[in-house]
Amino acid sequence: MLAGLPQAPSRYNPVEHLETAKKRQKIVMSVMLKNGYIR
């Protein structure tokens, strides 16, 4: 979740917007996987 926060900290704040933060987390993780940053 931390990797998605810089884009829009208030919008992706998991305390206030848990579902939005989780969706952003999935997007960030899939992009990182696609680009070879994680396996």
N, C-alpha and C. Protein backbone atom coordinates (compact mmCIF):
# COMPACT_ATOMS: atom_id res chain seq x y z
N MET A 1 0.81 -1.20 0.00
CA MET A 1 0.00 0.00 0.00
C MET A 1 0.85 1.26 0.00
N LEU A 2 1.99 1.19 0.63
CA LEU A 2 2.84 2.38 0.72
C LEU A 2 3.28 2.88 -0.64
N ALA A 3 3.49 1.99 -1.58
CA ALA A 3 3.95 2.41 -2.91
C ALA A 3 2.88 3.21 -3.65
N GLY A 4 1.63 3.01 -3.31
CA GLY A 4 0.56 3.74 -3.98
C GLY A 4 0.22 5.08 -3.37
N LEU A 5 0.66 5.33 -2.17
CA LEU A 5 0.31 6.57 -1.48
C LEU A 5 0.85 7.85 -2.12
N PRO A 6 2.08 7.90 -2.62
CA PRO A 6 2.57 9.16 -3.18
C PRO A 6 1.71 9.73 -4.31
N GLN A 7 1.02 8.89 -5.05
CA GLN A 7 0.19 9.36 -6.16
C GLN A 7 -0.91 10.30 -5.66
N ALA A 8 -1.60 9.94 -4.59
CA ALA A 8 -2.67 10.76 -4.02
C ALA A 8 -2.88 10.34 -2.57
N PRO A 9 -2.08 10.85 -1.65
CA PRO A 9 -2.11 10.38 -0.26
C PRO A 9 -3.48 10.41 0.41
N SER A 10 -4.23 11.46 0.22
CA SER A 10 -5.54 11.52 0.89
C SER A 10 -6.54 10.58 0.23
N ARG A 11 -6.42 10.39 -1.06
CA ARG A 11 -7.35 9.52 -1.79
C ARG A 11 -7.10 8.04 -1.47
N TYR A 12 -5.84 7.66 -1.29
CA TYR A 12 -5.49 6.27 -1.05
C TYR A 12 -5.16 5.97 0.40
N ASN A 13 -5.57 6.83 1.30
CA ASN A 13 -5.36 6.64 2.73
C ASN A 13 -6.16 5.40 3.18
N PRO A 14 -5.49 4.33 3.60
CA PRO A 14 -6.19 3.10 3.96
C PRO A 14 -7.07 3.23 5.21
N VAL A 15 -6.81 4.20 6.03
CA VAL A 15 -7.65 4.40 7.22
C VAL A 15 -9.03 4.93 6.81
N GLU A 16 -9.05 5.83 5.84
CA GLU A 16 -10.31 6.44 5.42
C GLU A 16 -10.92 5.79 4.18
N HIS A 17 -10.09 5.20 3.33
CA HIS A 17 -10.57 4.64 2.05
C HIS A 17 -9.94 3.28 1.81
N LEU A 18 -10.28 2.32 2.64
CA LEU A 18 -9.63 1.01 2.58
C LEU A 18 -9.81 0.33 1.22
N GLU A 19 -11.00 0.30 0.69
CA GLU A 19 -11.23 -0.39 -0.58
C GLU A 19 -10.47 0.27 -1.73
N THR A 20 -10.44 1.59 -1.76
CA THR A 20 -9.69 2.30 -2.79
C THR A 20 -8.20 2.02 -2.66
N ALA A 21 -7.71 1.99 -1.43
CA ALA A 21 -6.29 1.70 -1.19
C ALA A 21 -5.95 0.28 -1.63
N LYS A 22 -6.84 -0.67 -1.38
CA LYS A 22 -6.59 -2.05 -1.79
C LYS A 22 -6.57 -2.18 -3.31
N LYS A 23 -7.46 -1.48 -3.99
CA LYS A 23 -7.47 -1.51 -5.46
C LYS A 23 -6.17 -0.94 -6.01
N ARG A 24 -5.73 0.18 -5.43
CA ARG A 24 -4.47 0.80 -5.87
C ARG A 24 -3.30 -0.12 -5.60
N GLN A 25 -3.34 -0.82 -4.46
CA GLN A 25 -2.28 -1.76 -4.11
C GLN A 25 -2.16 -2.85 -5.18
N LYS A 26 -3.28 -3.37 -5.63
CA LYS A 26 -3.26 -4.42 -6.65
C LYS A 26 -2.69 -3.90 -7.96
N ILE A 27 -3.04 -2.67 -8.31
CA ILE A 27 -2.52 -2.07 -9.54
C ILE A 27 -1.01 -1.91 -9.45
N VAL A 28 -0.54 -1.34 -8.34
CA VAL A 28 0.90 -1.10 -8.16
C VAL A 28 1.66 -2.43 -8.16
N MET A 29 1.15 -3.43 -7.48
CA MET A 29 1.83 -4.72 -7.43
C MET A 29 1.89 -5.37 -8.81
N SER A 30 0.82 -5.27 -9.59
CA SER A 30 0.83 -5.88 -10.92
C SER A 30 1.81 -5.17 -11.84
N VAL A 31 1.93 -3.85 -11.73
CA VAL A 31 2.89 -3.11 -12.54
C VAL A 31 4.32 -3.46 -12.13
N MET A 32 4.55 -3.57 -10.83
CA MET A 32 5.89 -3.94 -10.35
C MET A 32 6.26 -5.34 -10.82
N LEU A 33 5.32 -6.26 -10.80
CA LEU A 33 5.56 -7.62 -11.27
C LEU A 33 5.85 -7.62 -12.77
N LYS A 34 5.04 -6.90 -13.52
CA LYS A 34 5.21 -6.82 -14.97
C LYS A 34 6.58 -6.25 -15.35
N ASN A 35 7.05 -5.29 -14.60
CA ASN A 35 8.33 -4.64 -14.91
C ASN A 35 9.53 -5.31 -14.26
N GLY A 36 9.32 -6.42 -13.58
CA GLY A 36 10.42 -7.20 -13.04
C GLY A 36 11.00 -6.71 -11.72
N TYR A 37 10.29 -5.81 -11.04
CA TYR A 37 10.78 -5.33 -9.75
C TYR A 37 10.54 -6.34 -8.63
N ILE A 38 9.53 -7.19 -8.80
CA ILE A 38 9.24 -8.25 -7.85
C ILE A 38 8.97 -9.53 -8.63
N ARG A 39 9.05 -10.66 -7.92
CA ARG A 39 8.76 -11.94 -8.57
C ARG A 39 7.64 -12.64 -7.86
